[in-house]
Amino acid sequence: MTESMTIGGAAKKVGVSVETIRFYERKGLIEQPLKPSSGGHRAYTADLVRKLRFIKQAQGLGFSLHEIGELLALRTDPAAECDEVRDRTIVKLEDVDRKISRLRTMRSALIRMIDACPREGPASESCTILKSLDSEDFSGAA
């Protein structure tokens, strides 16, 4: 017999909330198990728990829910090639690299603003951080 559990048990096993699982169901990423005719709880199978873990781990790598849906489809498509998954992962890596670059630019701008701060006087008059954010020629991370 296949091991199954309640939504709460599945949530705990994967490390997400019950509401997260319900959200995934509403978004169509996972199927909501049928309610038994005897009136008990819906049974979340080991396969469904694996799918939840897949979603959580893909999100942790920065994949959007839409991208995760595509990966899940590739995962079950017998005609899908590993190269398709690899290509999508390369695109995600390039996206992460762009974000890291933007974060480095933001970090540099913040450091410049902190270093230029006189740390004294009323903020409304002498705060260089507030003034630079209000400046037309601000050279931050935008």
C-alpha atoms as a PDB file:
ATOM      1  CA  MET A   1       0.000   0.000   0.000  1.00  0.00           C
ATOM      2  CA  THR A   2       1.248   3.483  -0.856  1.00  0.00           C
ATOM      3  CA  GLU A   3       2.062   5.712   2.108  1.00  0.00           C
ATOM      4  CA  SER A   4      -0.126   8.791   2.264  1.00  0.00           C
ATOM      5  CA  MET A   5      -0.614  11.654   4.678  1.00  0.00           C
ATOM      6  CA  THR A   6      -2.777  14.663   5.376  1.00  0.00           C
ATOM      7  CA  ILE A   7      -2.026  18.081   3.923  1.00  0.00           C
ATOM      8  CA  GLY A   8      -0.519  19.049   7.289  1.00  0.00           C
ATOM      9  CA  GLY A   9       1.759  16.013   7.261  1.00  0.00           C
ATOM     10  CA  ALA A  10       2.846  16.728   3.691  1.00  0.00           C
ATOM     11  CA  ALA A  11       3.515  20.372   4.553  1.00  0.00           C
ATOM     12  CA  LYS A  12       5.643  19.401   7.545  1.00  0.00           C
ATOM     13  CA  LYS A  13       7.579  16.775   5.584  1.00  0.00           C
ATOM     14  CA  VAL A  14       8.483  19.267   2.831  1.00  0.00           C
ATOM     15  CA  GLY A  15       8.925  22.319   5.068  1.00  0.00           C
ATOM     16  CA  VAL A  16       6.159  24.502   3.662  1.00  0.00           C
ATOM     17  CA  SER A  17       2.874  25.723   5.083  1.00  0.00           C
ATOM     18  CA  VAL A  18      -0.527  24.208   4.401  1.00  0.00           C
ATOM     19  CA  GLU A  19      -1.450  27.506   2.721  1.00  0.00           C
ATOM     20  CA  THR A  20       1.550  27.137   0.389  1.00  0.00           C
ATOM     21  CA  ILE A  21       0.298  23.729  -0.708  1.00  0.00           C
ATOM     22  CA  ARG A  22      -3.178  25.136  -1.290  1.00  0.00           C
ATOM     23  CA  PHE A  23      -1.615  27.984  -3.293  1.00  0.00           C
ATOM     24  CA  TYR A  24       0.249  25.460  -5.490  1.00  0.00           C
ATOM     25  CA  GLU A  25      -3.045  23.635  -6.005  1.00  0.00           C
ATOM     26  CA  ARG A  26      -4.812  26.844  -7.051  1.00  0.00           C
ATOM     27  CA  LYS A  27      -1.967  27.655  -9.460  1.00  0.00           C
ATOM     28  CA  GLY A  28      -2.225  24.197 -11.025  1.00  0.00           C
ATOM     29  CA  LEU A  29       1.287  23.102 -10.053  1.00  0.00           C
ATOM     30  CA  ILE A  30      -0.066  20.121  -8.141  1.00  0.00           C
ATOM     31  CA  GLU A  31      -3.363  18.320  -8.252  1.00  0.00           C
ATOM     32  CA  GLN A  32      -5.579  18.429  -5.202  1.00  0.00           C
ATOM     33  CA  PRO A  33      -6.162  14.860  -4.060  1.00  0.00           C
ATOM     34  CA  LEU A  34      -9.752  13.694  -4.171  1.00  0.00           C
ATOM     35  CA  LYS A  35     -11.639  13.694  -0.919  1.00  0.00           C
ATOM     36  CA  PRO A  36     -12.516  10.122   0.023  1.00  0.00           C
ATOM     37  CA  SER A  37     -16.184   9.192  -0.227  1.00  0.00           C
ATOM     38  CA  SER A  38     -16.039   8.083   3.404  1.00  0.00           C
ATOM     39  CA  GLY A  39     -15.585  11.732   4.402  1.00  0.00           C
ATOM     40  CA  GLY A  40     -12.007  11.504   5.670  1.00  0.00           C
ATOM     41  CA  HIS A  41      -9.028  13.687   4.824  1.00  0.00           C
ATOM     42  CA  ARG A  42      -7.496  14.040   1.386  1.00  0.00           C
ATOM     43  CA  ALA A  43      -4.538  11.682   0.998  1.00  0.00           C
ATOM     44  CA  TYR A  44      -1.244  13.254  -0.076  1.00  0.00           C
ATOM     45  CA  THR A  45       0.881  10.486  -1.585  1.00  0.00           C
ATOM     46  CA  ALA A  46       4.653  10.100  -1.590  1.00  0.00           C
ATOM     47  CA  ASP A  47       4.643  11.107  -5.283  1.00  0.00           C
ATOM     48  CA  LEU A  48       2.808  14.320  -4.467  1.00  0.00           C
ATOM     49  CA  VAL A  49       5.237  15.031  -1.616  1.00  0.00           C
ATOM     50  CA  ARG A  50       8.138  14.533  -4.072  1.00  0.00           C
ATOM     51  CA  LYS A  51       6.490  17.026  -6.417  1.00  0.00           C
ATOM     52  CA  LEU A  52       6.117  19.526  -3.552  1.00  0.00           C
ATOM     53  CA  ARG A  53       9.799  19.096  -2.698  1.00  0.00           C
ATOM     54  CA  PHE A  54      10.704  19.640  -6.369  1.00  0.00           C
ATOM     55  CA  ILE A  55       8.698  22.887  -6.422  1.00  0.00           C
ATOM     56  CA  LYS A  56      10.254  24.149  -3.195  1.00  0.00           C
ATOM     57  CA  GLN A  57      13.792  23.359  -4.323  1.00  0.00           C
ATOM     58  CA  ALA A  58      13.259  24.910  -7.760  1.00  0.00           C
ATOM     59  CA  GLN A  59      11.917  28.068  -6.092  1.00  0.00           C
ATOM     60  CA  GLY A  60      15.015  28.119  -3.900  1.00  0.00           C
ATOM     61  CA  LEU A  61      17.094  28.301  -7.078  1.00  0.00           C
ATOM     62  CA  GLY A  62      15.103  31.269  -8.333  1.00  0.00           C
ATOM     63  CA  PHE A  63      12.751  29.578 -10.775  1.00  0.00           C
ATOM     64  CA  SER A  64       9.376  31.323 -11.036  1.00  0.00           C
ATOM     65  CA  LEU A  65       6.172  29.353 -10.585  1.00  0.00           C
ATOM     66  CA  HIS A  66       5.612  29.563 -14.344  1.00  0.00           C
ATOM     67  CA  GLU A  67       9.100  28.174 -15.000  1.00  0.00           C
ATOM     68  CA  ILE A  68       8.526  25.464 -12.403  1.00  0.00           C
ATOM     69  CA  GLY A  69       5.323  24.497 -14.183  1.00  0.00           C
ATOM     70  CA  GLU A  70       7.314  24.117 -17.396  1.00  0.00           C
ATOM     71  CA  LEU A  71       9.970  22.034 -15.622  1.00  0.00           C
ATOM     72  CA  LEU A  72       7.282  19.812 -14.124  1.00  0.00           C
ATOM     73  CA  ALA A  73       5.832  19.298 -17.604  1.00  0.00           C
ATOM     74  CA  LEU A  74       9.267  18.386 -18.974  1.00  0.00           C
ATOM     75  CA  ARG A  75       9.749  16.012 -16.047  1.00  0.00           C
ATOM     76  CA  THR A  76       6.770  13.922 -17.156  1.00  0.00           C
ATOM     77  CA  ASP A  77       7.065  14.331 -20.934  1.00  0.00           C
ATOM     78  CA  PRO A  78       8.628  11.188 -22.421  1.00  0.00           C
ATOM     79  CA  ALA A  79       9.666  13.167 -25.522  1.00  0.00           C
ATOM     80  CA  ALA A  80      11.487  15.876 -23.522  1.00  0.00           C
ATOM     81  CA  GLU A  81      15.253  15.912 -23.771  1.00  0.00           C
ATOM     82  CA  CYS A  82      17.692  16.651 -20.976  1.00  0.00           C
ATOM     83  CA  ASP A  83      19.122  19.450 -23.138  1.00  0.00           C
ATOM     84  CA  GLU A  84      15.814  21.342 -22.833  1.00  0.00           C
ATOM     85  CA  VAL A  85      16.100  21.303 -19.056  1.00  0.00           C
ATOM     86  CA  ARG A  86      19.777  22.250 -19.253  1.00  0.00           C
ATOM     87  CA  ASP A  87      19.005  25.197 -21.554  1.00  0.00           C
ATOM     88  CA  ARG A  88      16.365  26.502 -19.150  1.00  0.00           C
ATOM     89  CA  THR A  89      18.808  26.139 -16.281  1.00  0.00           C
ATOM     90  CA  ILE A  90      21.462  28.078 -18.210  1.00  0.00           C
ATOM     91  CA  VAL A  91      18.934  30.881 -18.792  1.00  0.00           C
ATOM     92  CA  LYS A  92      18.211  30.911 -15.037  1.00  0.00           C
ATOM     93  CA  LEU A  93      21.948  31.068 -14.265  1.00  0.00           C
ATOM     94  CA  GLU A  94      22.328  34.044 -16.621  1.00  0.00           C
ATOM     95  CA  ASP A  95      19.398  35.723 -14.861  1.00  0.00           C
ATOM     96  CA  VAL A  96      21.031  35.111 -11.468  1.00  0.00           C
ATOM     97  CA  ASP A  97      24.324  36.545 -12.763  1.00  0.00           C
ATOM     98  CA  ARG A  98      22.508  39.708 -13.934  1.00  0.00           C
ATOM     99  CA  LYS A  99      20.866  40.059 -10.527  1.00  0.00           C
ATOM    100  CA  ILE A 100      24.209  39.613  -8.767  1.00  0.00           C
ATOM    101  CA  SER A 101      25.697  42.338 -10.959  1.00  0.00           C
ATOM    102  CA  ARG A 102      22.827  44.696 -10.103  1.00  0.00           C
ATOM    103  CA  LEU A 103      23.203  43.870  -6.405  1.00  0.00           C
ATOM    104  CA  ARG A 104      26.931  44.668  -6.561  1.00  0.00           C
ATOM    105  CA  THR A 105      26.124  48.019  -8.165  1.00  0.00           C
ATOM    106  CA  MET A 106      23.533  48.703  -5.468  1.00  0.00           C
ATOM    107  CA  ARG A 107      26.021  47.737  -2.767  1.00  0.00           C
ATOM    108  CA  SER A 108      28.651  50.105  -4.153  1.00  0.00           C
ATOM    109  CA  ALA A 109      26.144  52.964  -4.298  1.00  0.00           C
ATOM    110  CA  LEU A 110      25.074  52.318  -0.705  1.00  0.00           C
ATOM    111  CA  ILE A 111      28.686  52.242   0.489  1.00  0.00           C
ATOM    112  CA  ARG A 112      29.394  55.554  -1.285  1.00  0.00           C
ATOM    113  CA  MET A 113      26.342  57.103   0.361  1.00  0.00           C
ATOM    114  CA  ILE A 114      27.308  55.794   3.809  1.00  0.00           C
ATOM    115  CA  ASP A 115      30.897  56.983   3.422  1.00  0.00           C
ATOM    116  CA  ALA A 116      29.711  60.468   2.419  1.00  0.00           C
ATOM    117  CA  CYS A 117      27.382  60.768   5.418  1.00  0.00           C
ATOM    118  CA  PRO A 118      28.560  63.408   7.938  1.00  0.00           C
ATOM    119  CA  ARG A 119      26.673  61.599  10.763  1.00  0.00           C
ATOM    120  CA  GLU A 120      25.896  64.922  12.408  1.00  0.00           C
ATOM    121  CA  GLY A 121      23.274  67.607  12.050  1.00  0.00           C
ATOM    122  CA  PRO A 122      19.585  67.518  11.285  1.00  0.00           C
ATOM    123  CA  ALA A 123      18.636  65.038   8.578  1.00  0.00           C
ATOM    124  CA  SER A 124      16.433  67.585   6.828  1.00  0.00           C
ATOM    125  CA  GLU A 125      19.403  69.920   6.317  1.00  0.00           C
ATOM    126  CA  SER A 126      22.636  67.960   6.185  1.00  0.00           C
ATOM    127  CA  CYS A 127      21.893  64.306   5.411  1.00  0.00           C
ATOM    128  CA  THR A 128      23.866  63.549   2.262  1.00  0.00           C
ATOM    129  CA  ILE A 129      22.074  60.227   1.857  1.00  0.00           C
ATOM    130  CA  LEU A 130      18.670  61.896   1.634  1.00  0.00           C
ATOM    131  CA  LYS A 131      20.077  64.590  -0.651  1.00  0.00           C
ATOM    132  CA  SER A 132      21.647  62.076  -3.022  1.00  0.00           C
ATOM    133  CA  LEU A 133      18.375  60.116  -3.267  1.00  0.00           C
ATOM    134  CA  ASP A 134      16.622  63.371  -4.176  1.00  0.00           C
ATOM    135  CA  SER A 135      19.234  64.370  -6.746  1.00  0.00           C
ATOM    136  CA  GLU A 136      18.521  64.413 -10.493  1.00  0.00           C
ATOM    137  CA  ASP A 137      22.034  63.184 -11.257  1.00  0.00           C
ATOM    138  CA  PHE A 138      21.957  60.306  -8.763  1.00  0.00           C
ATOM    139  CA  SER A 139      24.287  57.549  -9.916  1.00  0.00           C
ATOM    140  CA  GLY A 140      22.943  54.677  -7.853  1.00  0.00           C
ATOM    141  CA  ALA A 141      21.855  51.246  -8.912  1.00  0.00           C
ATOM    142  CA  ALA A 142      18.863  52.165 -11.044  1.00  0.00           C
END
